[in-house]
Each structure stands twice: as structure tokens, then as C-alpha cells.
Amino acid sequence: MCCPILNLAKQLIEIPSISPLDLGCQKIITQRLSDIGFTVEEMNFKDTHNLWATRGVGRNLTFLGHTDVVDPGKLSDWNTKPFVPVVNDGILFGRGSADMKGALAAMIVAVERFIRDYPKYNGKISFLITSDEESHAINGTKHVVEELQLRNEKIDYCLVGEPSSSKILGDTIKNGRRGSITADLVVYGKQGHVAYPHLANNSIHIIVPFLSSLLLTNWSNGNVFFPPTSLQIINITTGNSVNNMIPGEINIKFNFRFGNDVTVEIIKDLVDKILSNFLLKYSINWTVSAQPFLTKTGNFIEVVKNVIKDVIKIPTKIVTTGGTSDGRFVSVMGSQIIELGLINKTIHQVNEHISIVDLQLLCKIYEYIIKKIMIDNH
């Protein structure tokens, strides 16, 4: 039996679009959308391919997604070839099946079906698709949103197809994401010979109390929307490769994930205070890769929850956990943003896979959401 969603997902998976490459995925999508009356604009920046496609006028429901995937890793670890989609016992295997070419296929077919049934509707449907979500995320959604803002374009509702589900399709959706800030810290001691420690100041030794204090600090308590701020030390290195040298400096990298109950400046100030308490000589550079965003008002959350309940017959949990997503770039437009996609159990792993039944159900959910926004709410 022919399944247009599965066929499109397989067609996209066959393209090895390792971030930030697109390699033709968006040409396939452009053709599909053009065939049903969308105006499609290429908005490419440097090595990143982006498309902005629109149909209709009025309140705008935007489907946000990406065609790029992460590297498959060691090919010998895969049971199948990562870019050769394989169906086995109702399961579709392939890199990007869950994150997020399966959801892209579901979005496109859902819109095709909606327009077939409702060629005239009151509102605007759009797609914002990039090939730079999995890597630097500089020339993708962020850049497109900046251009759209210059035109005074508006996104009222944004449905992000990231794999949000945990154990059952639709059991979890996301109405926001935490922010992310990374510290690159260098602490300076004094280099010397290990046999003469009194003539040196071991940079490893002097940072131990600091690290202990860093890990014991309560950065924030969280709130009803976000969990407490978390800290993870990512890397510690001195670059020392010999056994008779006391390292004179040490590099430490650590990352915070934080909600809207704390700010970047508060985190920076607390780290500086701890460093000062231990009288350390240091330099530090900060990289803010994401600010937290949250949709806590508006009707979009209830629409999505009700559709999931109608289609899957389960209640859904609303969370803000996980990494960052491109929804953070759209949030500056004041949009109501919900992330709803496939099960995330195998994303970025070898043998990435999804259930074909879930793929079909996700398409149905997307179609019903469009109808609720474009037809039933009028």
C-alpha cells in the first residue's frame, strides 16, 4: 500500500545532508509546496540553504524545521546504511528519520491534505526550513528571522517539528526551552619542575577548591515553567604531555542551562565572585548560544493538547527540558511556539529509527492542528 508520507521521508533520508549541507532536500520541498500554491523564496546565506514559503493571508501558522542532519559516525556500527532508508517490521531506519526528516514529510503531506480539502481558508500557512540547525545555527533560522522582521512579517503560531515525544507519540510537547551559556576559563599558576614544587604553583591544585565550590553552588531554584539551572563541566586540560612538568595554566570549559528565573548577568557575576573568593588569577570568555523562551499564554497550547487527545487518546505533558532549538530565534517575534514531533529515543544515535504508524499519526495531528487554527477558530 502506497504511503505518501513514508515515500517522502525516504526520499529526504536518501540525501546525505550533513549540516550545514542541504544537497537538494529543499528543492524537493519547494516543488511540493509550489504545486499546491505556495510562494517559495530561497533565502540562502553563505553555505546555508533556507526557504521561506507562504500561502494565504492573515494569521500565520508557520511550520519550522531543518533538512540538515548530524554525521552518522562510524558506519560499521550501523545495522543498515544510514542514508539508505530501510523499512523493517513497521520501522523506518535512517539518519534523520527522527530528527527531523520524518516530521518534515509529515508536515508537507498534512498541508497538502488540508489544502485539498480546504483550498480557501482564512489565514496564512508558511514554512521556514533551514540546513543549519545542527551545526552553527548562524546563517539559518536566525538570519531568516532577521530578514522577516525587516519586512514586518509576523508569525503568530510556530509549530516546530523537533522530536519532542518521549515514550509515546504526543506524550510530551515543549512550550519553551532553556537558555545556554558556556564559560571558557583559564586559571594561571606558575610552571615548574615536579621535583621542586616549592618553586612553582600547580594550576591543577589551585582550581580544585574553586571547582568544588562551583559544583556546590545553587544557581537558581527553577519555577513552574523551568527546572533549576544546571551546570556541567565539559572539559579540563593543561596541554601537559610530560611527567616532570607542573602545569602553569589550566583551561576549563563549563556550560549552564537556565530558565527565566535567572539571567546571564547573574550567572556571570556569581562565577566571578567565586573566582575572586579563591584569589585566582584568571581570564574568562563567555558564549551565550541561547536565551530561554517560553509560550505560557495564548490558545495554541490548548489547540495542540486537544488535537493530541483526539488523535492519540492520551494526555500530553508540557515541558521545557532538552537542548536548544531554532524556536529561540522565532521567539523574538512574539510568536506562540510549540514543539511537537516524533519520539526522540534514537536521535543522533546509530540505527536512528521511527515507527511508520507514528509517522502517519503525526501527519494526522499536524493536519488537525491546521484545521483548528485556519477553520474552526473562525
Protein backbone atom coordinates (compact mmCIF):
# COMPACT_ATOMS: atom_id res chain seq x y z
CA MET A 1 0.00 0.00 0.00
CA CYS A 2 1.37 3.42 -1.03
CA CYS A 3 2.15 5.79 1.83
CA PRO A 4 2.99 9.31 0.60
CA ILE A 5 4.41 10.34 3.98
CA LEU A 6 6.77 7.36 4.09
CA ASN A 7 7.79 7.85 0.47
CA LEU A 8 8.69 11.49 1.05
CA ALA A 9 10.55 10.70 4.28
CA LYS A 10 12.60 8.05 2.45
CA GLN A 11 13.31 10.46 -0.38
CA LEU A 12 14.71 13.01 2.08
CA ILE A 13 16.68 10.45 4.11
CA GLU A 14 18.43 9.28 0.93
CA ILE A 15 20.15 12.68 0.72
CA PRO A 16 23.27 12.81 2.95
CA SER A 17 22.63 16.38 4.10
CA ILE A 18 25.14 16.55 6.92
CA SER A 19 24.94 20.01 8.49
CA PRO A 20 25.12 22.63 7.06
CA LEU A 21 24.62 20.94 3.69
CA ASP A 22 21.20 20.58 2.09
CA LEU A 23 22.18 18.81 -1.15
CA GLY A 24 18.74 19.07 -2.73
CA CYS A 25 16.30 18.37 0.11
CA GLN A 26 14.82 21.84 -0.14
CA LYS A 27 14.39 21.52 -3.92
CA ILE A 28 12.11 18.55 -3.28
CA ILE A 29 10.17 20.51 -0.67
CA THR A 30 9.99 23.60 -2.89
CA GLN A 31 8.44 21.59 -5.71
CA ARG A 32 5.86 20.00 -3.42
CA LEU A 33 4.85 23.35 -1.94
CA SER A 34 4.84 25.16 -5.28
CA ASP A 35 2.48 22.53 -6.66
CA ILE A 36 -0.15 23.46 -4.05
CA GLY A 37 0.08 27.19 -4.49
CA PHE A 38 2.86 28.30 -2.14
CA THR A 39 5.14 31.17 -2.99
CA VAL A 40 8.61 29.87 -2.18
CA GLU A 41 11.58 32.14 -1.62
CA GLU A 42 15.15 30.95 -1.32
CA MET A 43 16.95 32.85 1.43
CA ASN A 44 20.43 31.34 1.29
CA PHE A 45 23.30 32.81 3.30
CA LYS A 46 26.86 31.60 2.73
CA ASP A 47 26.90 27.78 2.99
CA THR A 48 23.37 27.56 4.40
CA HIS A 49 20.20 26.91 2.39
CA ASN A 50 16.94 28.34 3.71
CA LEU A 51 13.46 28.59 2.31
CA TRP A 52 10.50 30.73 3.28
CA ALA A 53 7.24 29.55 1.74
CA THR A 54 3.83 31.17 2.21
CA ARG A 55 0.24 30.64 1.11
CA GLY A 56 -2.72 32.81 2.11
CA VAL A 57 -3.06 35.98 4.18
CA GLY A 58 -3.93 36.72 7.79
CA ARG A 59 -2.97 34.90 10.97
CA ASN A 60 0.20 32.98 10.20
CA LEU A 61 0.85 29.37 11.20
CA THR A 62 4.50 28.57 10.48
CA PHE A 63 5.99 25.10 10.28
CA LEU A 64 9.62 25.34 11.41
CA GLY A 65 12.13 22.63 10.53
CA HIS A 66 15.54 21.69 9.20
CA THR A 67 16.88 19.45 6.45
CA ASP A 68 20.37 19.02 7.89
CA VAL A 69 21.38 16.02 9.99
CA VAL A 70 24.30 15.13 12.22
CA ASP A 71 27.15 12.96 10.99
CA PRO A 72 26.25 9.25 11.12
CA GLY A 73 29.53 8.41 12.84
CA LYS A 74 31.20 5.06 12.38
CA LEU A 75 29.36 3.32 9.55
CA SER A 76 30.30 -0.15 10.77
CA ASP A 77 28.24 0.49 13.91
CA TRP A 78 25.07 0.77 11.84
CA ASN A 79 22.96 -2.29 11.05
CA THR A 80 21.90 -0.56 7.83
CA LYS A 81 23.45 2.15 5.69
CA PRO A 82 22.48 5.48 7.31
CA PHE A 83 21.47 7.15 4.06
CA VAL A 84 19.69 4.15 2.60
CA PRO A 85 16.22 4.18 4.20
CA VAL A 86 15.19 0.68 5.23
CA VAL A 87 11.76 -0.45 6.43
CA ASN A 88 11.73 -3.49 8.69
CA ASP A 89 8.70 -4.69 10.65
CA GLY A 90 6.97 -1.31 10.57
CA ILE A 91 10.11 0.64 11.48
CA LEU A 92 11.91 3.13 9.23
CA PHE A 93 15.68 3.24 9.72
CA GLY A 94 17.94 6.04 8.51
CA ARG A 95 19.83 9.12 9.61
CA GLY A 96 17.37 11.95 10.08
CA SER A 97 14.30 9.74 10.30
CA ALA A 98 13.52 11.09 13.78
CA ASP A 99 15.49 14.35 13.65
CA MET A 100 13.74 15.56 11.63
CA LYS A 101 13.08 14.46 8.07
CA GLY A 102 10.19 12.28 9.18
CA ALA A 103 8.46 15.30 10.71
CA LEU A 104 9.18 17.37 7.60
CA ALA A 105 7.45 14.76 5.47
CA ALA A 106 4.50 14.70 7.89
CA MET A 107 4.23 18.50 7.78
CA ILE A 108 4.24 18.71 4.00
CA VAL A 109 1.72 15.91 3.43
CA ALA A 110 -0.50 17.33 6.19
CA VAL A 111 -0.58 20.70 4.43
CA GLU A 112 -1.22 19.03 1.06
CA ARG A 113 -4.20 17.18 2.50
CA PHE A 114 -5.56 20.26 4.25
CA ILE A 115 -5.39 22.37 1.09
CA ARG A 116 -7.01 19.57 -0.92
CA ASP A 117 -9.97 19.66 1.48
CA TYR A 118 -9.94 23.42 2.20
CA PRO A 119 -8.42 25.25 -0.79
CA LYS A 120 -9.88 28.51 0.53
CA TYR A 121 -9.23 29.28 4.17
CA ASN A 122 -8.90 32.35 6.34
CA GLY A 123 -5.28 32.63 7.30
CA LYS A 124 -1.71 32.09 6.21
CA ILE A 125 0.34 28.88 6.25
CA SER A 126 4.10 29.12 5.96
CA PHE A 127 7.27 27.06 6.13
CA LEU A 128 10.64 28.19 7.43
CA ILE A 129 13.20 25.48 6.71
CA THR A 130 16.97 25.66 7.13
CA SER A 131 20.01 23.46 6.57
CA ASP A 132 21.88 24.90 9.56
CA GLU A 133 20.18 23.78 12.75
CA GLU A 134 22.55 21.01 13.80
CA SER A 135 25.78 22.98 13.46
CA HIS A 136 26.48 26.70 13.95
CA ALA A 137 22.88 27.95 13.53
CA ILE A 138 24.18 31.34 12.39
CA ASN A 139 23.08 31.59 8.76
CA GLY A 140 19.87 29.62 9.14
CA THR A 141 16.68 30.42 11.03
CA LYS A 142 18.33 33.26 12.95
CA HIS A 143 19.26 35.09 9.76
CA VAL A 144 15.92 34.43 8.06
CA VAL A 145 14.00 35.78 11.07
CA GLU A 146 16.12 38.93 11.00
CA GLU A 147 15.17 39.44 7.34
CA LEU A 148 11.49 38.76 8.03
CA GLN A 149 11.49 41.31 10.84
CA LEU A 150 12.88 43.95 8.48
CA ARG A 151 9.84 43.30 6.27
CA ASN A 152 7.46 43.47 9.25
CA GLU A 153 6.42 39.87 8.66
CA LYS A 154 4.61 38.23 11.56
CA ILE A 155 4.49 34.65 12.81
CA ASP A 156 1.50 34.15 15.09
CA TYR A 157 1.82 30.41 15.65
CA CYS A 158 5.03 28.42 15.19
CA LEU A 159 4.93 24.62 15.14
CA VAL A 160 8.45 23.19 15.47
CA GLY A 161 8.88 19.60 14.26
CA GLU A 162 11.71 18.65 16.60
CA PRO A 163 11.37 15.15 18.13
CA SER A 164 9.63 16.12 21.36
CA SER A 165 7.91 12.83 22.22
CA SER A 166 9.44 10.63 24.92
CA LYS A 167 7.91 7.13 25.02
CA ILE A 168 4.64 7.52 23.10
CA LEU A 169 3.94 9.89 20.24
CA GLY A 170 2.48 13.09 21.68
CA ASP A 171 3.17 12.27 25.33
CA THR A 172 5.35 15.37 25.61
CA ILE A 173 5.33 18.73 23.87
CA LYS A 174 7.53 21.73 24.57
CA ASN A 175 6.35 25.28 25.05
CA GLY A 176 9.83 26.66 25.58
CA ARG A 177 13.50 25.84 26.01
CA ARG A 178 16.21 26.74 28.47
CA GLY A 179 18.98 29.16 27.69
CA SER A 180 22.58 28.06 27.23
CA ILE A 181 25.79 29.87 28.22
CA THR A 182 29.33 28.47 28.12
CA ALA A 183 32.40 29.69 30.00
CA ASP A 184 35.93 29.25 28.68
CA LEU A 185 38.11 29.82 31.72
CA VAL A 186 41.89 29.95 32.01
CA VAL A 187 43.38 29.89 35.51
CA TYR A 188 47.05 30.81 35.88
CA GLY A 189 49.57 29.29 38.30
CA LYS A 190 53.32 29.02 37.84
CA GLN A 191 55.08 26.40 35.75
CA GLY A 192 57.90 24.41 37.27
CA HIS A 193 59.67 21.08 37.76
CA VAL A 194 57.71 18.42 39.66
CA ALA A 195 60.76 17.76 41.85
CA TYR A 196 60.75 21.40 43.04
CA PRO A 197 57.09 22.15 43.81
CA HIS A 198 58.02 24.94 46.22
CA LEU A 199 59.27 26.93 43.22
CA ALA A 200 56.02 26.53 41.28
CA ASN A 201 52.26 26.92 41.72
CA ASN A 202 50.33 23.97 40.28
CA SER A 203 47.34 25.29 38.35
CA ILE A 204 45.50 21.98 38.79
CA HIS A 205 45.87 22.04 42.55
CA ILE A 206 44.69 25.62 42.93
CA ILE A 207 41.48 25.13 40.97
CA VAL A 208 40.23 22.13 42.99
CA PRO A 209 38.60 24.25 45.74
CA PHE A 210 37.10 26.53 43.07
CA LEU A 211 35.61 23.58 41.18
CA SER A 212 34.17 22.17 44.37
CA SER A 213 32.52 25.49 45.17
CA LEU A 214 31.28 25.81 41.58
CA LEU A 215 29.58 22.42 41.77
CA LEU A 216 28.02 23.09 45.18
CA THR A 217 26.54 26.47 44.24
CA ASN A 218 22.77 26.75 43.88
CA TRP A 219 22.45 28.77 40.69
CA SER A 220 18.65 29.00 40.72
CA ASN A 221 15.68 27.10 42.08
CA GLY A 222 13.67 26.99 38.88
CA ASN A 223 9.95 27.72 38.72
CA VAL A 224 6.69 26.25 37.47
CA PHE A 225 7.96 26.51 33.88
CA PHE A 226 11.67 25.69 34.13
CA PRO A 227 13.77 23.29 36.22
CA PRO A 228 16.65 24.64 38.35
CA THR A 229 19.69 25.91 36.49
CA SER A 230 22.14 23.09 35.76
CA LEU A 231 25.93 23.22 35.45
CA GLN A 232 28.11 20.72 33.63
CA ILE A 233 31.90 20.85 33.38
CA ILE A 234 32.68 19.93 29.78
CA ASN A 235 36.45 19.87 29.58
CA ILE A 236 39.59 20.37 31.70
CA THR A 237 43.02 20.45 30.12
CA THR A 238 46.53 21.73 30.74
CA GLY A 239 48.05 20.60 27.47
CA ASN A 240 50.81 18.98 29.53
CA SER A 241 52.22 15.84 27.87
CA VAL A 242 55.27 15.15 30.05
CA ASN A 243 55.60 13.68 33.56
CA ASN A 244 58.08 16.13 35.05
CA MET A 245 56.34 19.43 34.49
CA ILE A 246 53.99 21.28 36.85
CA PRO A 247 51.39 22.98 34.64
CA GLY A 248 51.38 26.74 34.82
CA GLU A 249 47.86 27.21 33.47
CA ILE A 250 44.69 25.21 33.08
CA ASN A 251 41.76 25.54 30.71
CA ILE A 252 38.27 24.73 31.98
CA LYS A 253 35.06 24.80 29.96
CA PHE A 254 31.65 24.60 31.60
CA ASN A 255 28.06 25.12 30.47
CA PHE A 256 24.90 26.36 32.16
CA ARG A 257 21.33 25.57 31.11
CA PHE A 258 18.97 28.09 32.67
CA GLY A 259 15.36 29.21 32.70
CA ASN A 260 13.68 32.58 33.04
CA ASP A 261 14.23 32.76 36.81
CA VAL A 262 17.86 33.81 36.35
CA THR A 263 19.79 35.94 33.87
CA VAL A 264 23.08 35.63 32.04
CA GLU A 265 24.47 38.54 34.06
CA ILE A 266 23.55 36.91 37.37
CA ILE A 267 25.35 33.71 36.35
CA LYS A 268 28.44 35.61 35.22
CA ASP A 269 28.55 37.65 38.42
CA LEU A 270 28.28 34.55 40.61
CA VAL A 271 31.14 32.82 38.77
CA ASP A 272 33.33 35.94 39.07
CA LYS A 273 32.53 36.15 42.78
CA ILE A 274 33.58 32.52 43.36
CA LEU A 275 36.81 33.07 41.41
CA SER A 276 37.55 36.16 43.47
CA ASN A 277 36.89 34.32 46.73
CA PHE A 278 39.78 31.98 45.93
CA LEU A 279 42.09 34.84 44.82
CA LEU A 280 42.68 33.16 41.46
CA LYS A 281 44.43 34.82 38.57
CA TYR A 282 42.28 34.09 35.55
CA SER A 283 40.77 35.13 32.24
CA ILE A 284 37.29 34.10 31.11
CA ASN A 285 35.30 34.29 27.88
CA TRP A 286 31.56 33.73 27.72
CA THR A 287 29.46 32.45 24.82
CA VAL A 288 25.69 32.82 25.01
CA SER A 289 24.23 30.42 22.46
CA ALA A 290 20.60 30.75 23.55
CA GLN A 291 18.33 32.74 25.80
CA PRO A 292 15.36 30.94 27.38
CA PHE A 293 12.00 31.33 25.69
CA LEU A 294 8.51 30.38 26.79
CA THR A 295 4.95 30.30 25.49
CA LYS A 296 2.70 30.47 28.54
CA THR A 297 -0.32 32.34 27.17
CA GLY A 298 -2.50 32.14 24.07
CA ASN A 299 -4.68 29.43 22.57
CA PHE A 300 -2.03 27.45 20.71
CA ILE A 301 -1.10 25.19 23.64
CA GLU A 302 -4.71 24.15 24.16
CA VAL A 303 -5.22 23.56 20.44
CA VAL A 304 -2.23 21.21 20.27
CA LYS A 305 -3.13 19.41 23.51
CA ASN A 306 -6.72 18.84 22.37
CA VAL A 307 -5.68 17.53 18.97
CA ILE A 308 -3.26 15.05 20.56
CA LYS A 309 -6.02 13.90 22.88
CA ASP A 310 -8.39 13.45 19.93
CA VAL A 311 -5.90 11.56 17.75
CA ILE A 312 -3.73 9.60 20.21
CA LYS A 313 -6.23 9.42 23.10
CA ILE A 314 -3.65 10.40 25.71
CA PRO A 315 -2.97 13.48 27.82
CA THR A 316 0.20 15.33 26.97
CA LYS A 317 2.85 16.76 29.28
CA ILE A 318 4.21 20.25 28.66
CA VAL A 319 7.93 20.68 29.41
CA THR A 320 10.89 22.94 28.61
CA THR A 321 13.67 20.37 29.02
CA GLY A 322 16.23 19.29 26.46
CA GLY A 323 18.73 21.25 24.44
CA THR A 324 18.13 24.36 22.38
CA SER A 325 16.05 24.59 19.22
CA ASP A 326 15.52 27.12 16.44
CA GLY A 327 12.35 28.17 18.22
CA ARG A 328 14.59 30.52 20.21
CA PHE A 329 15.12 32.65 17.11
CA VAL A 330 11.42 32.88 16.30
CA SER A 331 10.54 33.81 19.89
CA VAL A 332 11.78 37.37 19.31
CA MET A 333 8.75 37.85 17.03
CA GLY A 334 6.35 37.32 19.93
CA SER A 335 5.06 34.09 18.44
CA GLN A 336 3.27 31.29 20.26
CA ILE A 337 5.71 28.39 19.86
CA ILE A 338 5.08 24.69 20.39
CA GLU A 339 7.46 21.83 19.62
CA LEU A 340 5.76 18.61 18.58
CA GLY A 341 7.47 15.77 16.78
CA LEU A 342 8.38 12.11 16.81
CA ILE A 343 9.91 10.01 19.60
CA ASN A 344 13.42 11.21 20.43
CA LYS A 345 14.85 7.93 21.76
CA THR A 346 17.33 7.35 18.91
CA ILE A 347 18.14 10.87 17.72
CA HIS A 348 21.85 11.46 16.96
CA GLN A 349 22.48 7.74 17.56
CA VAL A 350 23.47 4.90 15.25
CA ASN A 351 20.48 2.99 13.85
CA GLU A 352 18.22 6.04 14.20
CA HIS A 353 14.64 4.97 13.53
CA ILE A 354 10.94 5.78 13.84
CA SER A 355 7.65 3.92 13.75
CA ILE A 356 5.76 4.24 10.46
CA VAL A 357 2.49 4.26 12.39
CA ASP A 358 3.80 7.21 14.42
CA LEU A 359 4.79 8.97 11.20
CA GLN A 360 1.26 8.62 9.86
CA LEU A 361 -0.30 9.72 13.15
CA LEU A 362 1.96 12.77 13.36
CA CYS A 363 0.81 13.80 9.89
CA LYS A 364 -2.80 13.47 11.07
CA ILE A 365 -2.06 15.57 14.18
CA TYR A 366 -0.47 18.30 12.07
CA GLU A 367 -3.43 18.29 9.68
CA TYR A 368 -5.94 18.62 12.52
CA ILE A 369 -3.92 21.47 14.07
CA ILE A 370 -4.05 23.38 10.78
CA LYS A 371 -7.81 22.88 10.60
CA LYS A 372 -8.28 24.06 14.19
CA ILE A 373 -6.32 27.24 13.51
CA MET A 374 -7.49 28.03 9.99
CA ILE A 375 -11.10 26.79 10.00
CA ASP A 376 -12.56 26.01 13.43
CA ASN A 377 -11.33 29.17 15.15
CA HIS A 378 -13.20 31.43 12.74
